[in-house]
Amino acid sequence: MANNHIQRINDDIQFHLSTLLRSVKDPRVNQGSLLSIVRTDTTGDLRYCKVYLSVLGECNEKELKKGLKSCSPWLRHELGQSLSLRYTPELIFEIDHSIEQGAHISALIEALDISHEDEE
């Protein structure tokens, strides 16, 4: 039962953070690239939450992480207002390259010149 509770909290945090990230005014976060939250992992005691972000487009990852770290208290405050939890978890941001790698692999597969007629 605890896993279901944590999973629901992860889903709520992911939903609210995806909305809040659009309204961040820091230019390091809004560099013109597309940010999406891949997943969130909250600890069992609700003290920490790792947020895995995927960045599509060109961006400076160091500056993005600095911008996210600087706006993290505001994001945490807004999460606390919208979620009814005993503790609002501290947000730890990680960059996830899985979507970018998937797009690269898909492009490589599309670049192959294999026709289905040759196989038959």
N, C-alpha and C. Protein backbone atom coordinates (compact mmCIF):
# COMPACT_ATOMS: atom_id res chain seq x y z
N MET A 1 0.81 -1.19 0.00
CA MET A 1 0.00 0.00 0.00
C MET A 1 0.86 1.26 0.00
N ALA A 2 2.00 1.20 0.68
CA ALA A 2 2.86 2.38 0.73
C ALA A 2 3.39 2.74 -0.65
N ASN A 3 3.67 1.73 -1.47
CA ASN A 3 4.16 2.00 -2.81
C ASN A 3 3.12 2.74 -3.65
N ASN A 4 1.86 2.37 -3.50
CA ASN A 4 0.80 3.07 -4.24
C ASN A 4 0.70 4.51 -3.79
N HIS A 5 0.85 4.74 -2.50
CA HIS A 5 0.78 6.11 -1.96
C HIS A 5 1.92 6.96 -2.50
N ILE A 6 3.13 6.42 -2.48
CA ILE A 6 4.30 7.15 -3.00
C ILE A 6 4.16 7.38 -4.50
N GLN A 7 3.63 6.39 -5.22
CA GLN A 7 3.45 6.56 -6.67
C GLN A 7 2.45 7.66 -6.98
N ARG A 8 1.37 7.75 -6.20
CA ARG A 8 0.40 8.82 -6.41
C ARG A 8 1.02 10.18 -6.11
N ILE A 9 1.84 10.23 -5.07
CA ILE A 9 2.53 11.49 -4.74
C ILE A 9 3.50 11.85 -5.87
N ASN A 10 4.23 10.88 -6.39
CA ASN A 10 5.14 11.13 -7.52
C ASN A 10 4.38 11.67 -8.72
N ASP A 11 3.23 11.08 -9.01
CA ASP A 11 2.43 11.55 -10.15
C ASP A 11 1.92 12.97 -9.92
N ASP A 12 1.48 13.28 -8.70
CA ASP A 12 1.00 14.63 -8.41
C ASP A 12 2.12 15.65 -8.51
N ILE A 13 3.30 15.31 -7.98
CA ILE A 13 4.44 16.22 -8.07
C ILE A 13 4.82 16.45 -9.52
N GLN A 14 4.85 15.39 -10.31
CA GLN A 14 5.19 15.52 -11.74
C GLN A 14 4.19 16.41 -12.46
N PHE A 15 2.91 16.24 -12.19
CA PHE A 15 1.89 17.04 -12.85
C PHE A 15 2.02 18.52 -12.47
N HIS A 16 2.15 18.81 -11.17
CA HIS A 16 2.20 20.20 -10.74
C HIS A 16 3.52 20.87 -11.16
N LEU A 17 4.62 20.12 -11.11
CA LEU A 17 5.90 20.72 -11.52
C LEU A 17 5.93 21.03 -13.01
N SER A 18 5.30 20.18 -13.81
CA SER A 18 5.29 20.45 -15.25
C SER A 18 4.53 21.74 -15.54
N THR A 19 3.53 22.03 -14.75
CA THR A 19 2.79 23.30 -14.90
C THR A 19 3.63 24.46 -14.39
N LEU A 20 4.29 24.27 -13.26
CA LEU A 20 5.06 25.35 -12.65
C LEU A 20 6.30 25.72 -13.44
N LEU A 21 6.93 24.74 -14.10
CA LEU A 21 8.16 25.03 -14.84
C LEU A 21 7.91 25.98 -16.00
N ARG A 22 6.70 26.01 -16.52
CA ARG A 22 6.38 26.93 -17.62
C ARG A 22 6.34 28.38 -17.15
N SER A 23 6.08 28.59 -15.86
CA SER A 23 5.95 29.96 -15.36
C SER A 23 7.21 30.47 -14.66
N VAL A 24 8.31 29.73 -14.74
CA VAL A 24 9.57 30.19 -14.15
C VAL A 24 10.13 31.31 -15.00
N LYS A 25 10.54 32.38 -14.36
CA LYS A 25 11.02 33.56 -15.08
C LYS A 25 12.54 33.57 -15.30
N ASP A 26 13.24 32.63 -14.73
CA ASP A 26 14.70 32.59 -14.84
C ASP A 26 15.10 32.27 -16.28
N PRO A 27 15.92 33.12 -16.91
CA PRO A 27 16.30 32.87 -18.31
C PRO A 27 17.18 31.64 -18.47
N ARG A 28 17.83 31.19 -17.40
CA ARG A 28 18.65 29.98 -17.50
C ARG A 28 17.77 28.74 -17.67
N VAL A 29 16.55 28.79 -17.14
CA VAL A 29 15.63 27.67 -17.25
C VAL A 29 14.90 27.72 -18.59
N ASN A 30 14.49 28.89 -19.01
CA ASN A 30 13.78 29.06 -20.28
C ASN A 30 14.74 29.49 -21.37
N GLN A 31 15.57 28.56 -21.82
CA GLN A 31 16.57 28.87 -22.84
C GLN A 31 16.08 28.63 -24.25
N GLY A 32 14.80 28.40 -24.40
CA GLY A 32 14.26 28.13 -25.71
C GLY A 32 14.20 26.64 -26.02
N SER A 33 14.67 25.83 -25.11
CA SER A 33 14.60 24.38 -25.32
C SER A 33 13.37 23.83 -24.60
N LEU A 34 12.95 22.67 -25.02
CA LEU A 34 11.75 22.05 -24.47
C LEU A 34 12.12 21.20 -23.27
N LEU A 35 11.57 21.54 -22.12
CA LEU A 35 11.80 20.78 -20.89
C LEU A 35 10.60 19.87 -20.63
N SER A 36 10.87 18.64 -20.30
CA SER A 36 9.79 17.75 -19.91
C SER A 36 10.26 16.89 -18.74
N ILE A 37 9.34 16.61 -17.84
CA ILE A 37 9.66 15.80 -16.68
C ILE A 37 9.43 14.34 -17.05
N VAL A 38 10.49 13.55 -17.00
CA VAL A 38 10.40 12.15 -17.36
C VAL A 38 9.78 11.36 -16.21
N ARG A 39 10.31 11.56 -15.01
CA ARG A 39 9.75 10.89 -13.84
C ARG A 39 10.22 11.58 -12.58
N THR A 40 9.56 11.24 -11.48
CA THR A 40 9.95 11.75 -10.17
C THR A 40 10.06 10.58 -9.22
N ASP A 41 11.04 10.63 -8.33
CA ASP A 41 11.23 9.60 -7.31
C ASP A 41 11.28 10.28 -5.96
N THR A 42 10.28 10.02 -5.14
CA THR A 42 10.20 10.59 -3.80
C THR A 42 10.62 9.53 -2.79
N THR A 43 11.39 9.95 -1.80
CA THR A 43 11.78 9.01 -0.76
C THR A 43 10.58 8.66 0.10
N GLY A 44 10.68 7.58 0.85
CA GLY A 44 9.57 7.10 1.67
C GLY A 44 9.16 8.05 2.77
N ASP A 45 10.11 8.85 3.27
CA ASP A 45 9.78 9.80 4.33
C ASP A 45 9.36 11.17 3.79
N LEU A 46 9.24 11.29 2.47
CA LEU A 46 8.79 12.51 1.78
C LEU A 46 9.70 13.71 2.02
N ARG A 47 10.96 13.47 2.29
CA ARG A 47 11.89 14.58 2.51
C ARG A 47 12.57 15.04 1.23
N TYR A 48 12.81 14.12 0.30
CA TYR A 48 13.53 14.44 -0.93
C TYR A 48 12.78 13.88 -2.14
N CYS A 49 12.88 14.60 -3.24
CA CYS A 49 12.27 14.14 -4.48
C CYS A 49 13.25 14.42 -5.61
N LYS A 50 13.68 13.35 -6.31
CA LYS A 50 14.52 13.51 -7.49
C LYS A 50 13.62 13.70 -8.69
N VAL A 51 13.86 14.77 -9.42
CA VAL A 51 13.08 15.09 -10.60
C VAL A 51 13.98 14.90 -11.81
N TYR A 52 13.61 13.97 -12.68
CA TYR A 52 14.38 13.67 -13.89
C TYR A 52 13.79 14.45 -15.05
N LEU A 53 14.61 15.34 -15.62
CA LEU A 53 14.18 16.21 -16.71
C LEU A 53 14.83 15.79 -18.02
N SER A 54 14.07 15.90 -19.07
CA SER A 54 14.61 15.68 -20.40
C SER A 54 14.59 17.02 -21.13
N VAL A 55 15.69 17.32 -21.79
CA VAL A 55 15.82 18.59 -22.51
C VAL A 55 15.94 18.28 -23.99
N LEU A 56 15.03 18.82 -24.76
CA LEU A 56 15.07 18.63 -26.21
C LEU A 56 15.45 19.97 -26.83
N GLY A 57 16.54 20.00 -27.51
CA GLY A 57 17.05 21.23 -28.10
C GLY A 57 18.40 21.59 -27.48
N GLU A 58 18.94 22.67 -27.94
CA GLU A 58 20.24 23.11 -27.47
C GLU A 58 20.11 23.86 -26.15
N CYS A 59 20.90 23.48 -25.17
CA CYS A 59 20.93 24.21 -23.91
C CYS A 59 22.25 23.93 -23.21
N ASN A 60 22.59 24.82 -22.33
CA ASN A 60 23.76 24.66 -21.48
C ASN A 60 23.29 23.97 -20.20
N GLU A 61 23.66 22.71 -20.02
CA GLU A 61 23.14 21.93 -18.90
C GLU A 61 23.60 22.47 -17.55
N LYS A 62 24.82 22.99 -17.48
CA LYS A 62 25.31 23.56 -16.23
C LYS A 62 24.46 24.76 -15.81
N GLU A 63 24.19 25.65 -16.76
CA GLU A 63 23.38 26.83 -16.46
C GLU A 63 21.95 26.44 -16.14
N LEU A 64 21.42 25.42 -16.82
CA LEU A 64 20.08 24.96 -16.54
C LEU A 64 19.96 24.44 -15.12
N LYS A 65 20.94 23.64 -14.69
CA LYS A 65 20.91 23.10 -13.33
C LYS A 65 21.07 24.21 -12.29
N LYS A 66 21.88 25.22 -12.60
CA LYS A 66 22.01 26.36 -11.67
C LYS A 66 20.70 27.13 -11.57
N GLY A 67 20.04 27.32 -12.71
CA GLY A 67 18.75 28.02 -12.71
C GLY A 67 17.69 27.24 -11.96
N LEU A 68 17.66 25.93 -12.15
CA LEU A 68 16.69 25.10 -11.44
C LEU A 68 16.96 25.08 -9.95
N LYS A 69 18.23 25.08 -9.58
CA LYS A 69 18.57 25.09 -8.16
C LYS A 69 18.18 26.42 -7.52
N SER A 70 18.31 27.51 -8.26
CA SER A 70 17.96 28.81 -7.70
C SER A 70 16.46 29.00 -7.57
N CYS A 71 15.67 28.39 -8.45
CA CYS A 71 14.23 28.54 -8.35
C CYS A 71 13.59 27.39 -7.58
N SER A 72 14.39 26.48 -7.07
CA SER A 72 13.87 25.33 -6.33
C SER A 72 13.07 25.72 -5.08
N PRO A 73 13.49 26.71 -4.28
CA PRO A 73 12.66 27.09 -3.13
C PRO A 73 11.27 27.60 -3.53
N TRP A 74 11.20 28.36 -4.61
CA TRP A 74 9.90 28.84 -5.07
C TRP A 74 9.02 27.69 -5.55
N LEU A 75 9.63 26.76 -6.31
CA LEU A 75 8.89 25.59 -6.78
C LEU A 75 8.39 24.75 -5.61
N ARG A 76 9.25 24.60 -4.60
CA ARG A 76 8.86 23.82 -3.42
C ARG A 76 7.71 24.49 -2.67
N HIS A 77 7.76 25.81 -2.57
CA HIS A 77 6.69 26.55 -1.90
C HIS A 77 5.38 26.38 -2.65
N GLU A 78 5.43 26.52 -3.97
CA GLU A 78 4.22 26.38 -4.77
C GLU A 78 3.67 24.95 -4.72
N LEU A 79 4.56 23.97 -4.66
CA LEU A 79 4.12 22.58 -4.51
C LEU A 79 3.41 22.39 -3.16
N GLY A 80 3.97 23.00 -2.14
CA GLY A 80 3.37 22.90 -0.81
C GLY A 80 1.98 23.52 -0.78
N GLN A 81 1.76 24.57 -1.55
CA GLN A 81 0.45 25.20 -1.61
C GLN A 81 -0.57 24.32 -2.34
N SER A 82 -0.12 23.59 -3.36
CA SER A 82 -1.06 22.83 -4.18
C SER A 82 -1.24 21.38 -3.71
N LEU A 83 -0.28 20.84 -2.99
CA LEU A 83 -0.39 19.47 -2.49
C LEU A 83 -0.62 19.49 -0.98
N SER A 84 -1.41 18.57 -0.51
CA SER A 84 -1.63 18.50 0.93
C SER A 84 -0.81 17.34 1.50
N LEU A 85 0.46 17.64 1.78
CA LEU A 85 1.38 16.66 2.33
C LEU A 85 1.90 17.14 3.67
N ARG A 86 2.31 16.20 4.49
CA ARG A 86 2.90 16.58 5.78
C ARG A 86 4.20 17.35 5.55
N TYR A 87 5.02 16.84 4.66
CA TYR A 87 6.28 17.50 4.30
C TYR A 87 6.28 17.75 2.80
N THR A 88 6.75 18.92 2.42
CA THR A 88 6.97 19.18 1.00
C THR A 88 8.41 18.79 0.71
N PRO A 89 8.63 17.84 -0.19
CA PRO A 89 9.99 17.33 -0.39
C PRO A 89 10.92 18.37 -1.03
N GLU A 90 12.18 18.25 -0.65
CA GLU A 90 13.22 19.07 -1.28
C GLU A 90 13.46 18.52 -2.67
N LEU A 91 13.55 19.39 -3.65
CA LEU A 91 13.65 18.98 -5.05
C LEU A 91 15.11 18.88 -5.48
N ILE A 92 15.44 17.75 -6.07
CA ILE A 92 16.78 17.52 -6.61
C ILE A 92 16.60 17.24 -8.10
N PHE A 93 17.19 18.07 -8.93
CA PHE A 93 16.99 17.97 -10.38
C PHE A 93 18.15 17.21 -11.02
N GLU A 94 17.79 16.26 -11.90
CA GLU A 94 18.75 15.49 -12.67
C GLU A 94 18.35 15.56 -14.14
N ILE A 95 19.35 15.63 -15.01
CA ILE A 95 19.10 15.66 -16.45
C ILE A 95 19.10 14.21 -16.95
N ASP A 96 18.06 13.85 -17.69
CA ASP A 96 17.91 12.50 -18.24
C ASP A 96 18.00 12.60 -19.76
N HIS A 97 18.88 11.82 -20.34
CA HIS A 97 19.12 11.88 -21.79
C HIS A 97 18.40 10.77 -22.55
N SER A 98 17.46 10.08 -21.94
CA SER A 98 16.86 8.92 -22.57
C SER A 98 16.02 9.28 -23.80
N ILE A 99 15.27 10.37 -23.75
CA ILE A 99 14.45 10.76 -24.90
C ILE A 99 15.35 11.18 -26.07
N GLU A 100 16.41 11.90 -25.76
CA GLU A 100 17.36 12.32 -26.79
C GLU A 100 18.03 11.11 -27.43
N GLN A 101 18.41 10.13 -26.61
CA GLN A 101 19.03 8.92 -27.15
C GLN A 101 18.04 8.12 -27.98
N GLY A 102 16.79 8.07 -27.54
CA GLY A 102 15.76 7.37 -28.29
C GLY A 102 15.52 8.01 -29.65
N ALA A 103 15.52 9.34 -29.70
CA ALA A 103 15.34 10.04 -30.97
C ALA A 103 16.53 9.79 -31.89
N HIS A 104 17.74 9.72 -31.32
CA HIS A 104 18.93 9.45 -32.12
C HIS A 104 18.88 8.04 -32.71
N ILE A 105 18.50 7.07 -31.90
CA ILE A 105 18.40 5.68 -32.37
C ILE A 105 17.32 5.56 -33.45
N SER A 106 16.21 6.24 -33.24
CA SER A 106 15.13 6.22 -34.23
C SER A 106 15.60 6.82 -35.55
N ALA A 107 16.38 7.90 -35.48
CA ALA A 107 16.91 8.52 -36.69
C ALA A 107 17.88 7.59 -37.40
N LEU A 108 18.69 6.85 -36.63
CA LEU A 108 19.62 5.90 -37.25
C LEU A 108 18.87 4.77 -37.95
N ILE A 109 17.80 4.29 -37.33
CA ILE A 109 17.01 3.23 -37.95
C ILE A 109 16.35 3.72 -39.23
N GLU A 110 15.82 4.95 -39.20
CA GLU A 110 15.19 5.51 -40.39
C GLU A 110 16.20 5.75 -41.51
N ALA A 111 17.46 5.98 -41.14
CA ALA A 111 18.49 6.26 -42.15
C ALA A 111 18.91 5.00 -42.89
N LEU A 112 18.64 3.85 -42.33
CA LEU A 112 18.99 2.61 -43.02
C LEU A 112 18.14 2.45 -44.27
N ASP A 113 18.74 1.99 -45.33
CA ASP A 113 18.01 1.79 -46.59
C ASP A 113 17.62 0.33 -46.74
N ILE A 114 16.70 -0.11 -45.92
CA ILE A 114 16.21 -1.48 -46.00
C ILE A 114 14.77 -1.41 -46.47
N SER A 115 14.51 -2.02 -47.59
CA SER A 115 13.14 -2.05 -48.09
C SER A 115 12.53 -3.40 -47.73
N HIS A 116 11.27 -3.40 -47.47
CA HIS A 116 10.57 -4.64 -47.09
C HIS A 116 10.39 -5.58 -48.28
N GLU A 117 10.46 -5.07 -49.49
CA GLU A 117 10.31 -5.89 -50.67
C GLU A 117 11.53 -6.78 -50.89
N ASP A 118 12.73 -6.31 -50.47
CA ASP A 118 13.94 -7.10 -50.63
C ASP A 118 13.95 -8.31 -49.72
N GLU A 119 13.32 -8.21 -48.56
CA GLU A 119 13.32 -9.32 -47.61
C GLU A 119 12.43 -10.44 -48.08
N GLU A 120 11.39 -10.16 -48.81
CA GLU A 120 10.47 -11.18 -49.28
C GLU A 120 10.96 -11.75 -50.55
